[in-house]
Amino acid sequence: MSKLQTEAADRMIDRIASAAGSREAALQELMNSLGGIPIGRPGLPEEVAELAAFLVSDRAASITGSEYVIDDGTVPTS
């Protein structure tokens, strides 16, 4: 499951909230089911878009063959 807070994710949180009692409790339940999110919140589609916009800009002209992981800190790095 994506860890981005999209419209579909918002609708799922609303459905869970009806049983969980509150939207905050539903969001926490969803984050826990995903194994937690180290930054404490789901990522936003706009955050991914900002990286994409940078990569297609002239400022990133010398960047080639790179891989970017946008995972809200869930993949451990050393």
PDB file of N, CA and C in Angstrom:
ATOM      1  N   MET A   1       0.834  -1.169   0.000  1.00  0.00           N
ATOM      2  CA  MET A   1       0.000   0.000   0.000  1.00  0.00           C
ATOM      3  C   MET A   1       0.878   1.231   0.000  1.00  0.00           C
ATOM      4  N   SER A   2       0.496   2.203  -0.756  1.00  0.00           N
ATOM      5  CA  SER A   2       1.214   3.463  -0.797  1.00  0.00           C
ATOM      6  C   SER A   2       1.110   4.153   0.555  1.00  0.00           C
ATOM      7  N   LYS A   3       2.161   4.848   0.927  1.00  0.00           N
ATOM      8  CA  LYS A   3       2.125   5.607   2.172  1.00  0.00           C
ATOM      9  C   LYS A   3       1.890   7.079   1.887  1.00  0.00           C
ATOM     10  N   LEU A   4       1.341   7.375   0.727  1.00  0.00           N
ATOM     11  CA  LEU A   4       0.975   8.752   0.403  1.00  0.00           C
ATOM     12  C   LEU A   4      -0.454   9.008   0.839  1.00  0.00           C
ATOM     13  N   GLN A   5      -0.683  10.178   1.341  1.00  0.00           N
ATOM     14  CA  GLN A   5      -2.040  10.533   1.760  1.00  0.00           C
ATOM     15  C   GLN A   5      -2.782  11.120   0.565  1.00  0.00           C
ATOM     16  N   THR A   6      -3.349  10.229  -0.221  1.00  0.00           N
ATOM     17  CA  THR A   6      -4.099  10.598  -1.413  1.00  0.00           C
ATOM     18  C   THR A   6      -5.581  10.707  -1.057  1.00  0.00           C
ATOM     19  N   GLU A   7      -6.390  11.105  -2.032  1.00  0.00           N
ATOM     20  CA  GLU A   7      -7.840  11.156  -1.806  1.00  0.00           C
ATOM     21  C   GLU A   7      -8.382   9.783  -1.441  1.00  0.00           C
ATOM     22  N   ALA A   8      -7.872   8.737  -2.086  1.00  0.00           N
ATOM     23  CA  ALA A   8      -8.320   7.381  -1.772  1.00  0.00           C
ATOM     24  C   ALA A   8      -7.945   7.009  -0.339  1.00  0.00           C
ATOM     25  N   ALA A   9      -6.739   7.385   0.086  1.00  0.00           N
ATOM     26  CA  ALA A   9      -6.328   7.113   1.465  1.00  0.00           C
ATOM     27  C   ALA A   9      -7.210   7.881   2.446  1.00  0.00           C
ATOM     28  N   ASP A  10      -7.551   9.128   2.108  1.00  0.00           N
ATOM     29  CA  ASP A  10      -8.440   9.908   2.967  1.00  0.00           C
ATOM     30  C   ASP A  10      -9.804   9.236   3.120  1.00  0.00           C
ATOM     31  N   ARG A  11     -10.332   8.683   2.022  1.00  0.00           N
ATOM     32  CA  ARG A  11     -11.627   7.992   2.101  1.00  0.00           C
ATOM     33  C   ARG A  11     -11.521   6.745   2.980  1.00  0.00           C
ATOM     34  N   MET A  12     -10.399   6.021   2.880  1.00  0.00           N
ATOM     35  CA  MET A  12     -10.207   4.837   3.716  1.00  0.00           C
ATOM     36  C   MET A  12     -10.133   5.244   5.183  1.00  0.00           C
ATOM     37  N   ILE A  13      -9.415   6.323   5.481  1.00  0.00           N
ATOM     38  CA  ILE A  13      -9.315   6.806   6.860  1.00  0.00           C
ATOM     39  C   ILE A  13     -10.699   7.180   7.388  1.00  0.00           C
ATOM     40  N   ASP A  14     -11.516   7.812   6.552  1.00  0.00           N
ATOM     41  CA  ASP A  14     -12.878   8.159   6.967  1.00  0.00           C
ATOM     42  C   ASP A  14     -13.693   6.915   7.293  1.00  0.00           C
ATOM     43  N   ARG A  15     -13.541   5.841   6.493  1.00  0.00           N
ATOM     44  CA  ARG A  15     -14.269   4.585   6.770  1.00  0.00           C
ATOM     45  C   ARG A  15     -13.793   3.967   8.085  1.00  0.00           C
ATOM     46  N   ILE A  16     -12.477   3.957   8.300  1.00  0.00           N
ATOM     47  CA  ILE A  16     -11.934   3.385   9.538  1.00  0.00           C
ATOM     48  C   ILE A  16     -12.368   4.234  10.730  1.00  0.00           C
ATOM     49  N   ALA A  17     -12.441   5.550  10.544  1.00  0.00           N
ATOM     50  CA  ALA A  17     -12.805   6.462  11.633  1.00  0.00           C
ATOM     51  C   ALA A  17     -14.189   6.173  12.176  1.00  0.00           C
ATOM     52  N   SER A  18     -15.084   5.696  11.334  1.00  0.00           N
ATOM     53  CA  SER A  18     -16.430   5.395  11.820  1.00  0.00           C
ATOM     54  C   SER A  18     -16.399   4.285  12.870  1.00  0.00           C
ATOM     55  N   ALA A  19     -15.433   3.386  12.778  1.00  0.00           N
ATOM     56  CA  ALA A  19     -15.302   2.317  13.774  1.00  0.00           C
ATOM     57  C   ALA A  19     -14.311   2.697  14.875  1.00  0.00           C
ATOM     58  N   ALA A  20     -13.288   3.468  14.509  1.00  0.00           N
ATOM     59  CA  ALA A  20     -12.228   3.792  15.470  1.00  0.00           C
ATOM     60  C   ALA A  20     -12.614   4.931  16.406  1.00  0.00           C
ATOM     61  N   GLY A  21     -13.618   5.710  16.028  1.00  0.00           N
ATOM     62  CA  GLY A  21     -14.069   6.783  16.903  1.00  0.00           C
ATOM     63  C   GLY A  21     -13.612   8.169  16.509  1.00  0.00           C
ATOM     64  N   SER A  22     -12.453   8.263  15.859  1.00  0.00           N
ATOM     65  CA  SER A  22     -11.988   9.577  15.426  1.00  0.00           C
ATOM     66  C   SER A  22     -11.068   9.414  14.219  1.00  0.00           C
ATOM     67  N   ARG A  23     -10.924  10.482  13.492  1.00  0.00           N
ATOM     68  CA  ARG A  23     -10.051  10.463  12.315  1.00  0.00           C
ATOM     69  C   ARG A  23      -8.594  10.274  12.735  1.00  0.00           C
ATOM     70  N   GLU A  24      -8.197  10.893  13.848  1.00  0.00           N
ATOM     71  CA  GLU A  24      -6.826  10.751  14.330  1.00  0.00           C
ATOM     72  C   GLU A  24      -6.529   9.300  14.717  1.00  0.00           C
ATOM     73  N   ALA A  25      -7.488   8.658  15.407  1.00  0.00           N
ATOM     74  CA  ALA A  25      -7.310   7.256  15.784  1.00  0.00           C
ATOM     75  C   ALA A  25      -7.255   6.374  14.543  1.00  0.00           C
ATOM     76  N   ALA A  26      -8.071   6.692  13.544  1.00  0.00           N
ATOM     77  CA  ALA A  26      -8.078   5.913  12.307  1.00  0.00           C
ATOM     78  C   ALA A  26      -6.754   6.048  11.572  1.00  0.00           C
ATOM     79  N   LEU A  27      -6.216   7.272  11.505  1.00  0.00           N
ATOM     80  CA  LEU A  27      -4.931   7.487  10.841  1.00  0.00           C
ATOM     81  C   LEU A  27      -3.828   6.732  11.561  1.00  0.00           C
ATOM     82  N   GLN A  28      -3.833   6.767  12.895  1.00  0.00           N
ATOM     83  CA  GLN A  28      -2.823   6.039  13.662  1.00  0.00           C
ATOM     84  C   GLN A  28      -2.949   4.540  13.435  1.00  0.00           C
ATOM     85  N   GLU A  29      -4.186   4.030  13.413  1.00  0.00           N
ATOM     86  CA  GLU A  29      -4.423   2.604  13.159  1.00  0.00           C
ATOM     87  C   GLU A  29      -3.889   2.206  11.782  1.00  0.00           C
ATOM     88  N   LEU A  30      -4.139   3.049  10.789  1.00  0.00           N
ATOM     89  CA  LEU A  30      -3.655   2.767   9.436  1.00  0.00           C
ATOM     90  C   LEU A  30      -2.129   2.805   9.383  1.00  0.00           C
ATOM     91  N   MET A  31      -1.527   3.800  10.005  1.00  0.00           N
ATOM     92  CA  MET A  31      -0.058   3.879  10.012  1.00  0.00           C
ATOM     93  C   MET A  31       0.541   2.669  10.719  1.00  0.00           C
ATOM     94  N   ASN A  32      -0.064   2.245  11.826  1.00  0.00           N
ATOM     95  CA  ASN A  32       0.427   1.061  12.537  1.00  0.00           C
ATOM     96  C   ASN A  32       0.328  -0.185  11.671  1.00  0.00           C
ATOM     97  N   SER A  33      -0.761  -0.301  10.897  1.00  0.00           N
ATOM     98  CA  SER A  33      -0.934  -1.481  10.047  1.00  0.00           C
ATOM     99  C   SER A  33       0.115  -1.534   8.941  1.00  0.00           C
ATOM    100  N   LEU A  34       0.685  -0.377   8.605  1.00  0.00           N
ATOM    101  CA  LEU A  34       1.729  -0.312   7.584  1.00  0.00           C
ATOM    102  C   LEU A  34       3.121  -0.494   8.178  1.00  0.00           C
ATOM    103  N   GLY A  35       3.184  -0.743   9.480  1.00  0.00           N
ATOM    104  CA  GLY A  35       4.466  -0.913  10.133  1.00  0.00           C
ATOM    105  C   GLY A  35       5.036   0.387  10.670  1.00  0.00           C
ATOM    106  N   GLY A  36       4.208   1.395  10.739  1.00  0.00           N
ATOM    107  CA  GLY A  36       4.639   2.689  11.254  1.00  0.00           C
ATOM    108  C   GLY A  36       5.212   3.565  10.138  1.00  0.00           C
ATOM    109  N   ILE A  37       5.245   4.836  10.398  1.00  0.00           N
ATOM    110  CA  ILE A  37       5.830   5.794   9.469  1.00  0.00           C
ATOM    111  C   ILE A  37       6.755   6.676  10.299  1.00  0.00           C
ATOM    112  N   PRO A  38       8.071   6.536  10.116  1.00  0.00           N
ATOM    113  CA  PRO A  38       9.019   7.249  10.968  1.00  0.00           C
ATOM    114  C   PRO A  38       8.842   8.766  11.032  1.00  0.00           C
ATOM    115  N   ILE A  39       8.384   9.411   9.951  1.00  0.00           N
ATOM    116  CA  ILE A  39       8.220  10.867  10.027  1.00  0.00           C
ATOM    117  C   ILE A  39       6.921  11.251  10.729  1.00  0.00           C
ATOM    118  N   GLY A  40       6.103  10.250  11.077  1.00  0.00           N
ATOM    119  CA  GLY A  40       4.903  10.496  11.863  1.00  0.00           C
ATOM    120  C   GLY A  40       3.665  10.873  11.084  1.00  0.00           C
ATOM    121  N   ARG A  41       3.744  10.850   9.767  1.00  0.00           N
ATOM    122  CA  ARG A  41       2.584  11.172   8.929  1.00  0.00           C
ATOM    123  C   ARG A  41       2.822  10.594   7.542  1.00  0.00           C
ATOM    124  N   PRO A  42       1.756  10.341   6.821  1.00  0.00           N
ATOM    125  CA  PRO A  42       1.924   9.890   5.440  1.00  0.00           C
ATOM    126  C   PRO A  42       2.513  11.007   4.587  1.00  0.00           C
ATOM    127  N   GLY A  43       3.211  10.606   3.540  1.00  0.00           N
ATOM    128  CA  GLY A  43       3.722  11.587   2.598  1.00  0.00           C
ATOM    129  C   GLY A  43       2.584  12.189   1.788  1.00  0.00           C
ATOM    130  N   LEU A  44       2.852  13.338   1.214  1.00  0.00           N
ATOM    131  CA  LEU A  44       1.850  14.019   0.407  1.00  0.00           C
ATOM    132  C   LEU A  44       2.216  13.925  -1.067  1.00  0.00           C
ATOM    133  N   PRO A  45       1.224  13.762  -1.938  1.00  0.00           N
ATOM    134  CA  PRO A  45       1.524  13.708  -3.372  1.00  0.00           C
ATOM    135  C   PRO A  45       2.338  14.909  -3.841  1.00  0.00           C
ATOM    136  N   GLU A  46       2.101  16.071  -3.239  1.00  0.00           N
ATOM    137  CA  GLU A  46       2.837  17.276  -3.621  1.00  0.00           C
ATOM    138  C   GLU A  46       4.331  17.131  -3.365  1.00  0.00           C
ATOM    139  N   GLU A  47       4.700  16.358  -2.336  1.00  0.00           N
ATOM    140  CA  GLU A  47       6.117  16.164  -2.025  1.00  0.00           C
ATOM    141  C   GLU A  47       6.802  15.354  -3.121  1.00  0.00           C
ATOM    142  N   VAL A  48       6.109  14.378  -3.657  1.00  0.00           N
ATOM    143  CA  VAL A  48       6.648  13.596  -4.771  1.00  0.00           C
ATOM    144  C   VAL A  48       6.730  14.469  -6.018  1.00  0.00           C
ATOM    145  N   ALA A  49       5.700  15.276  -6.237  1.00  0.00           N
ATOM    146  CA  ALA A  49       5.669  16.157  -7.402  1.00  0.00           C
ATOM    147  C   ALA A  49       6.823  17.157  -7.369  1.00  0.00           C
ATOM    148  N   GLU A  50       7.169  17.645  -6.186  1.00  0.00           N
ATOM    149  CA  GLU A  50       8.270  18.597  -6.079  1.00  0.00           C
ATOM    150  C   GLU A  50       9.590  17.969  -6.510  1.00  0.00           C
ATOM    151  N   LEU A  51       9.829  16.713  -6.141  1.00  0.00           N
ATOM    152  CA  LEU A  51      11.042  16.032  -6.588  1.00  0.00           C
ATOM    153  C   LEU A  51      11.019  15.858  -8.102  1.00  0.00           C
ATOM    154  N   ALA A  52       9.887  15.423  -8.632  1.00  0.00           N
ATOM    155  CA  ALA A  52       9.780  15.242 -10.081  1.00  0.00           C
ATOM    156  C   ALA A  52      10.023  16.558 -10.816  1.00  0.00           C
ATOM    157  N   ALA A  53       9.466  17.647 -10.307  1.00  0.00           N
ATOM    158  CA  ALA A  53       9.661  18.955 -10.944  1.00  0.00           C
ATOM    159  C   ALA A  53      11.134  19.354 -10.906  1.00  0.00           C
ATOM    160  N   PHE A  54      11.803  19.103  -9.804  1.00  0.00           N
ATOM    161  CA  PHE A  54      13.224  19.408  -9.725  1.00  0.00           C
ATOM    162  C   PHE A  54      14.013  18.585 -10.741  1.00  0.00           C
ATOM    163  N   LEU A  55      13.714  17.290 -10.814  1.00  0.00           N
ATOM    164  CA  LEU A  55      14.484  16.404 -11.695  1.00  0.00           C
ATOM    165  C   LEU A  55      14.336  16.758 -13.177  1.00  0.00           C
ATOM    166  N   VAL A  56      13.216  17.350 -13.552  1.00  0.00           N
ATOM    167  CA  VAL A  56      13.052  17.738 -14.960  1.00  0.00           C
ATOM    168  C   VAL A  56      13.495  19.181 -15.205  1.00  0.00           C
ATOM    169  N   SER A  57      13.937  19.865 -14.156  1.00  0.00           N
ATOM    170  CA  SER A  57      14.368  21.255 -14.310  1.00  0.00           C
ATOM    171  C   SER A  57      15.826  21.319 -14.772  1.00  0.00           C
ATOM    172  N   ASP A  58      16.220  22.481 -15.227  1.00  0.00           N
ATOM    173  CA  ASP A  58      17.607  22.703 -15.643  1.00  0.00           C
ATOM    174  C   ASP A  58      18.582  22.560 -14.480  1.00  0.00           C
ATOM    175  N   ARG A  59      18.114  22.802 -13.262  1.00  0.00           N
ATOM    176  CA  ARG A  59      18.998  22.681 -12.095  1.00  0.00           C
ATOM    177  C   ARG A  59      19.456  21.251 -11.857  1.00  0.00           C
ATOM    178  N   ALA A  60      18.762  20.271 -12.402  1.00  0.00           N
ATOM    179  CA  ALA A  60      19.134  18.867 -12.216  1.00  0.00           C
ATOM    180  C   ALA A  60      19.749  18.279 -13.482  1.00  0.00           C
ATOM    181  N   ALA A  61      20.224  19.128 -14.379  1.00  0.00           N
ATOM    182  CA  ALA A  61      20.730  18.673 -15.683  1.00  0.00           C
ATOM    183  C   ALA A  61      21.867  17.665 -15.568  1.00  0.00           C
ATOM    184  N   SER A  62      22.666  17.730 -14.514  1.00  0.00           N
ATOM    185  CA  SER A  62      23.804  16.815 -14.400  1.00  0.00           C
ATOM    186  C   SER A  62      23.471  15.537 -13.633  1.00  0.00           C
ATOM    187  N   ILE A  63      22.250  15.384 -13.195  1.00  0.00           N
ATOM    188  CA  ILE A  63      21.849  14.182 -12.461  1.00  0.00           C
ATOM    189  C   ILE A  63      21.410  13.123 -13.468  1.00  0.00           C
ATOM    190  N   THR A  64      22.117  12.004 -13.467  1.00  0.00           N
ATOM    191  CA  THR A  64      21.763  10.890 -14.353  1.00  0.00           C
ATOM    192  C   THR A  64      21.871   9.581 -13.585  1.00  0.00           C
ATOM    193  N   GLY A  65      21.029   8.643 -13.935  1.00  0.00           N
ATOM    194  CA  GLY A  65      21.110   7.303 -13.364  1.00  0.00           C
ATOM    195  C   GLY A  65      20.924   7.232 -11.864  1.00  0.00           C
ATOM    196  N   SER A  66      20.181   8.141 -11.302  1.00  0.00           N
ATOM    197  CA  SER A  66      19.965   8.135  -9.855  1.00  0.00           C
ATOM    198  C   SER A  66      18.626   7.504  -9.517  1.00  0.00           C
ATOM    199  N   GLU A  67      18.550   6.959  -8.316  1.00  0.00           N
ATOM    200  CA  GLU A  67      17.299   6.394  -7.820  1.00  0.00           C
ATOM    201  C   GLU A  67      16.941   7.123  -6.545  1.00  0.00           C
ATOM    202  N   TYR A  68      15.703   7.557  -6.450  1.00  0.00           N
ATOM    203  CA  TYR A  68      15.236   8.277  -5.278  1.00  0.00           C
ATOM    204  C   TYR A  68      14.138   7.467  -4.619  1.00  0.00           C
ATOM    205  N   VAL A  69      14.268   7.274  -3.324  1.00  0.00           N
ATOM    206  CA  VAL A  69      13.278   6.538  -2.560  1.00  0.00           C
ATOM    207  C   VAL A  69      12.494   7.547  -1.725  1.00  0.00           C
ATOM    208  N   ILE A  70      11.205   7.611  -1.989  1.00  0.00           N
ATOM    209  CA  ILE A  70      10.337   8.483  -1.200  1.00  0.00           C
ATOM    210  C   ILE A  70       9.434   7.556  -0.405  1.00  0.00           C
ATOM    211  N   ASP A  71       9.856   7.281   0.829  1.00  0.00           N
ATOM    212  CA  ASP A  71       9.175   6.254   1.627  1.00  0.00           C
ATOM    213  C   ASP A  71       8.884   6.707   3.056  1.00  0.00           C
ATOM    214  N   ASP A  72       8.976   7.998   3.295  1.00  0.00           N
ATOM    215  CA  ASP A  72       8.695   8.546   4.622  1.00  0.00           C
ATOM    216  C   ASP A  72       9.638   8.006   5.703  1.00  0.00           C
ATOM    217  N   GLY A  73      10.805   7.535   5.280  1.00  0.00           N
ATOM    218  CA  GLY A  73      11.800   7.054   6.231  1.00  0.00           C
ATOM    219  C   GLY A  73      11.651   5.600   6.636  1.00  0.00           C
ATOM    220  N   THR A  74      10.854   4.818   5.907  1.00  0.00           N
ATOM    221  CA  THR A  74      10.628   3.427   6.326  1.00  0.00           C
ATOM    222  C   THR A  74      11.754   2.483   5.936  1.00  0.00           C
ATOM    223  N   VAL A  75      12.568   2.838   4.935  1.00  0.00           N
ATOM    224  CA  VAL A  75      13.680   1.983   4.554  1.00  0.00           C
ATOM    225  C   VAL A  75      14.913   2.475   5.319  1.00  0.00           C
ATOM    226  N   PRO A  76      15.478   1.614   6.176  1.00  0.00           N
ATOM    227  CA  PRO A  76      16.662   2.036   6.959  1.00  0.00           C
ATOM    228  C   PRO A  76      17.838   2.321   6.034  1.00  0.00           C
ATOM    229  N   THR A  77      18.552   3.375   6.345  1.00  0.00           N
ATOM    230  CA  THR A  77      19.772   3.693   5.611  1.00  0.00           C
ATOM    231  C   THR A  77      20.908   3.782   6.610  1.00  0.00           C
ATOM    232  N   SER A  78      22.099   3.577   6.100  1.00  0.00           N
ATOM    233  CA  SER A  78      23.250   3.652   7.017  1.00  0.00           C
ATOM    234  C   SER A  78      24.137   4.804   6.689  1.00  0.00           C
TER     235      SER A  78
END
